[in-house]
Amino acid sequence: MKRVVVLFSGEGTNLQKMMEILPEAGIEVAAAITNRPDAGGIARAGRFGVPVEVIDHTRYESREAFDAALVEMIMRYRPDLTVMAGFMRILTPVFTSRVEAVNLHPSLLPKYKGARAIERSYESGDPVCGVTVHRVTSELDGGEILSQASFERPPEMDYDAFEARIHALEYDLYPKTVISLLSGN
């Protein structure tokens, strides 16, 4: 059975989709790791019986020191892939050179890299918007694009509807991409 470790920082909605869908495909969510002791996703993982590790980034003197501790924790679970699901950390080569990881980004990369991608995509007025799954490298949101999903935005679409559409695409595309990667497709 293939194994993943999921990294998250917030409410864990993409984490939940992984926990719902991956086991049906024969993929174990071996652990969920967060950098925030108060992350809402901790409770979500608990409901699925997935072990949760908390590694508070504020307790480390540098990004590199945090990344070294994170890599060590991930390696304990021997995952076939590390899945970043709303993990709000910029990672250094200490991580990216040792861990095979994928990330979900709420825009059609290479557009709107970094923070506030949903807001920037909405404000752009682009007629086609969407989400991207990419490999994690030391370049922020710059790794190989693995998959994308998009939609045509109606001119009258408000921000709340736009954000909901982005999340719906994420919840569909991300687990499918992880399954495809781990099944060799």
Protein backbone atom coordinates (compact mmCIF):
# COMPACT_ATOMS: atom_id res chain seq x y z
CA MET A 1 0.00 0.00 0.00
CA LYS A 2 1.28 3.46 -0.90
CA ARG A 3 1.55 6.03 1.88
CA VAL A 4 1.31 9.81 2.03
CA VAL A 5 1.99 12.37 4.71
CA VAL A 6 -0.18 15.49 4.44
CA LEU A 7 1.11 18.88 5.61
CA PHE A 8 -1.43 21.57 6.54
CA SER A 9 -1.66 24.87 8.41
CA GLY A 10 -5.33 25.75 8.64
CA GLU A 11 -8.83 24.31 8.63
CA GLY A 12 -7.81 21.17 6.75
CA THR A 13 -10.53 21.04 4.10
CA ASN A 14 -8.13 19.68 1.46
CA LEU A 15 -6.68 17.34 4.10
CA GLN A 16 -10.21 16.03 4.69
CA LYS A 17 -10.69 15.33 0.97
CA MET A 18 -7.43 13.35 0.99
CA MET A 19 -8.59 11.34 4.01
CA GLU A 20 -11.97 10.65 2.36
CA ILE A 21 -10.75 9.72 -1.11
CA LEU A 22 -7.21 8.27 -0.96
CA PRO A 23 -8.02 5.18 1.15
CA GLU A 24 -10.64 4.19 -1.46
CA ALA A 25 -7.76 4.09 -3.96
CA GLY A 26 -5.57 1.97 -1.66
CA ILE A 27 -3.46 4.89 -0.43
CA GLU A 28 -2.92 5.34 3.30
CA VAL A 29 -2.79 8.79 4.87
CA ALA A 30 -0.02 7.78 7.28
CA ALA A 31 0.07 11.09 9.16
CA ALA A 32 -0.96 14.71 9.06
CA ILE A 33 1.59 17.31 10.15
CA THR A 34 0.83 20.93 10.98
CA ASN A 35 2.98 23.91 11.88
CA ARG A 36 0.14 25.54 13.86
CA PRO A 37 -0.91 24.13 17.26
CA ASP A 38 -4.40 25.66 16.84
CA ALA A 39 -5.05 24.46 13.26
CA GLY A 40 -8.63 23.36 12.64
CA GLY A 41 -7.43 20.41 10.61
CA ILE A 42 -6.18 18.70 13.78
CA ALA A 43 -9.76 17.82 14.75
CA ARG A 44 -10.58 16.71 11.19
CA ALA A 45 -7.64 14.29 11.15
CA GLY A 46 -8.67 12.98 14.56
CA ARG A 47 -12.15 12.12 13.24
CA PHE A 48 -10.49 9.95 10.58
CA GLY A 49 -8.08 8.31 13.03
CA VAL A 50 -5.08 9.80 11.24
CA PRO A 51 -2.11 10.51 13.53
CA VAL A 52 -1.39 14.23 13.86
CA GLU A 53 2.00 15.76 14.58
CA VAL A 54 2.38 19.41 15.55
CA ILE A 55 5.70 21.08 14.85
CA ASP A 56 5.37 24.76 15.73
CA HIS A 57 7.53 26.80 13.34
CA THR A 58 7.73 29.68 15.85
CA ARG A 59 9.94 27.54 18.09
CA TYR A 60 12.78 27.39 15.55
CA GLU A 61 15.47 30.01 15.05
CA SER A 62 15.46 29.72 11.25
CA ARG A 63 13.52 28.33 8.31
CA GLU A 64 16.31 25.81 7.78
CA ALA A 65 16.11 24.54 11.37
CA PHE A 66 12.35 24.13 11.09
CA ASP A 67 12.67 22.38 7.72
CA ALA A 68 15.28 19.96 9.14
CA ALA A 69 12.93 19.01 11.98
CA LEU A 70 10.02 18.69 9.54
CA VAL A 71 12.00 16.42 7.22
CA GLU A 72 12.99 14.21 10.14
CA MET A 73 9.36 13.91 11.23
CA ILE A 74 8.13 13.13 7.71
CA MET A 75 10.80 10.45 7.24
CA ARG A 76 9.57 8.58 10.35
CA TYR A 77 6.40 7.74 8.40
CA ARG A 78 8.24 6.57 5.24
CA PRO A 79 5.79 8.15 2.78
CA ASP A 80 5.83 7.55 -0.94
CA LEU A 81 4.77 11.18 -1.37
CA THR A 82 4.30 14.26 0.81
CA VAL A 83 1.16 16.23 0.04
CA MET A 84 0.98 19.90 0.97
CA ALA A 85 -2.63 20.88 1.60
CA GLY A 86 -2.71 24.49 2.67
CA PHE A 87 0.71 24.31 4.31
CA MET A 88 1.59 27.98 4.59
CA ARG A 89 5.36 27.83 4.76
CA ILE A 90 8.03 28.80 2.25
CA LEU A 91 10.36 25.80 2.24
CA THR A 92 14.13 25.86 1.91
CA PRO A 93 16.43 23.44 0.07
CA VAL A 94 16.83 21.61 3.41
CA PHE A 95 13.30 20.34 2.68
CA THR A 96 13.06 20.46 -1.10
CA SER A 97 16.28 18.51 -1.70
CA ARG A 98 15.16 15.61 0.52
CA VAL A 99 11.37 15.30 0.25
CA GLU A 100 9.30 14.47 -2.81
CA ALA A 101 6.28 16.70 -2.38
CA VAL A 102 3.38 18.15 -4.33
CA ASN A 103 1.39 21.29 -3.65
CA LEU A 104 -1.98 22.71 -4.61
CA HIS A 105 -2.14 26.36 -5.67
CA PRO A 106 -5.43 28.25 -6.17
CA SER A 107 -4.56 29.85 -9.51
CA LEU A 108 -3.53 28.78 -12.97
CA LEU A 109 0.21 28.90 -12.51
CA PRO A 110 2.45 30.55 -13.50
CA LYS A 111 -0.05 33.34 -12.73
CA TYR A 112 -0.45 34.66 -9.18
CA LYS A 113 2.29 32.77 -7.36
CA GLY A 114 2.49 33.16 -3.60
CA ALA A 115 -0.01 34.46 -1.09
CA ARG A 116 -3.52 35.78 -1.78
CA ALA A 117 -3.75 33.90 -5.08
CA ILE A 118 -7.54 33.57 -4.99
CA GLU A 119 -8.00 37.29 -4.36
CA ARG A 120 -5.45 38.28 -7.00
CA SER A 121 -6.98 35.90 -9.54
CA TYR A 122 -10.46 37.26 -8.85
CA GLU A 123 -9.31 40.88 -9.02
CA SER A 124 -7.51 40.24 -12.32
CA GLY A 125 -10.71 39.97 -14.29
CA ASP A 126 -9.25 36.96 -16.16
CA PRO A 127 -12.07 35.21 -18.03
CA VAL A 128 -10.60 31.75 -17.28
CA CYS A 129 -9.41 30.89 -13.77
CA GLY A 130 -8.56 27.73 -11.88
CA VAL A 131 -6.17 25.69 -9.78
CA THR A 132 -2.82 23.94 -10.23
CA VAL A 133 -1.09 20.92 -8.70
CA HIS A 134 2.68 21.15 -8.98
CA ARG A 135 5.86 19.61 -7.65
CA VAL A 136 7.47 21.41 -4.73
CA THR A 137 10.86 22.95 -5.41
CA SER A 138 12.87 25.69 -3.72
CA GLU A 139 11.24 28.20 -6.11
CA LEU A 140 7.92 29.34 -4.63
CA ASP A 141 5.09 27.82 -6.71
CA GLY A 142 7.64 27.18 -9.45
CA GLY A 143 7.86 23.39 -9.69
CA GLU A 144 6.69 21.24 -12.59
CA ILE A 145 2.97 21.62 -13.25
CA LEU A 146 1.33 18.21 -12.90
CA SER A 147 -2.33 19.10 -13.48
CA GLN A 148 -4.68 22.04 -13.76
CA ALA A 149 -8.43 22.53 -13.74
CA SER A 150 -10.20 25.69 -14.87
CA PHE A 151 -13.55 27.33 -15.39
CA GLU A 152 -14.88 30.22 -17.43
CA ARG A 153 -15.85 33.00 -15.09
CA PRO A 154 -19.13 34.76 -15.79
CA PRO A 155 -18.71 38.55 -15.63
CA GLU A 156 -21.30 38.84 -12.84
CA MET A 157 -19.66 36.25 -10.54
CA ASP A 158 -19.08 37.69 -7.07
CA TYR A 159 -16.08 36.88 -4.90
CA ASP A 160 -17.83 34.32 -2.67
CA ALA A 161 -19.04 32.31 -5.68
CA PHE A 162 -15.59 32.58 -7.24
CA GLU A 163 -13.87 31.29 -4.09
CA ALA A 164 -16.39 28.42 -3.79
CA ARG A 165 -15.72 27.41 -7.41
CA ILE A 166 -11.95 27.45 -6.80
CA HIS A 167 -12.36 25.20 -3.75
CA ALA A 168 -14.64 22.80 -5.63
CA LEU A 169 -11.96 22.43 -8.31
CA GLU A 170 -9.30 21.85 -5.62
CA TYR A 171 -11.32 19.13 -3.88
CA ASP A 172 -11.76 17.28 -7.17
CA LEU A 173 -8.37 17.75 -8.84
CA TYR A 174 -5.93 17.28 -5.96
CA PRO A 175 -6.87 13.76 -4.82
CA LYS A 176 -7.13 12.59 -8.45
CA THR A 177 -3.63 13.91 -9.17
CA VAL A 178 -2.15 12.24 -6.08
CA ILE A 179 -3.81 8.93 -7.00
CA SER A 180 -2.50 9.22 -10.55
CA LEU A 181 1.05 9.95 -9.36
CA LEU A 182 1.09 7.02 -6.93
CA SER A 183 -0.46 4.57 -9.37
CA GLY A 184 2.17 5.44 -11.99
CA ASN A 185 -0.22 7.05 -14.45
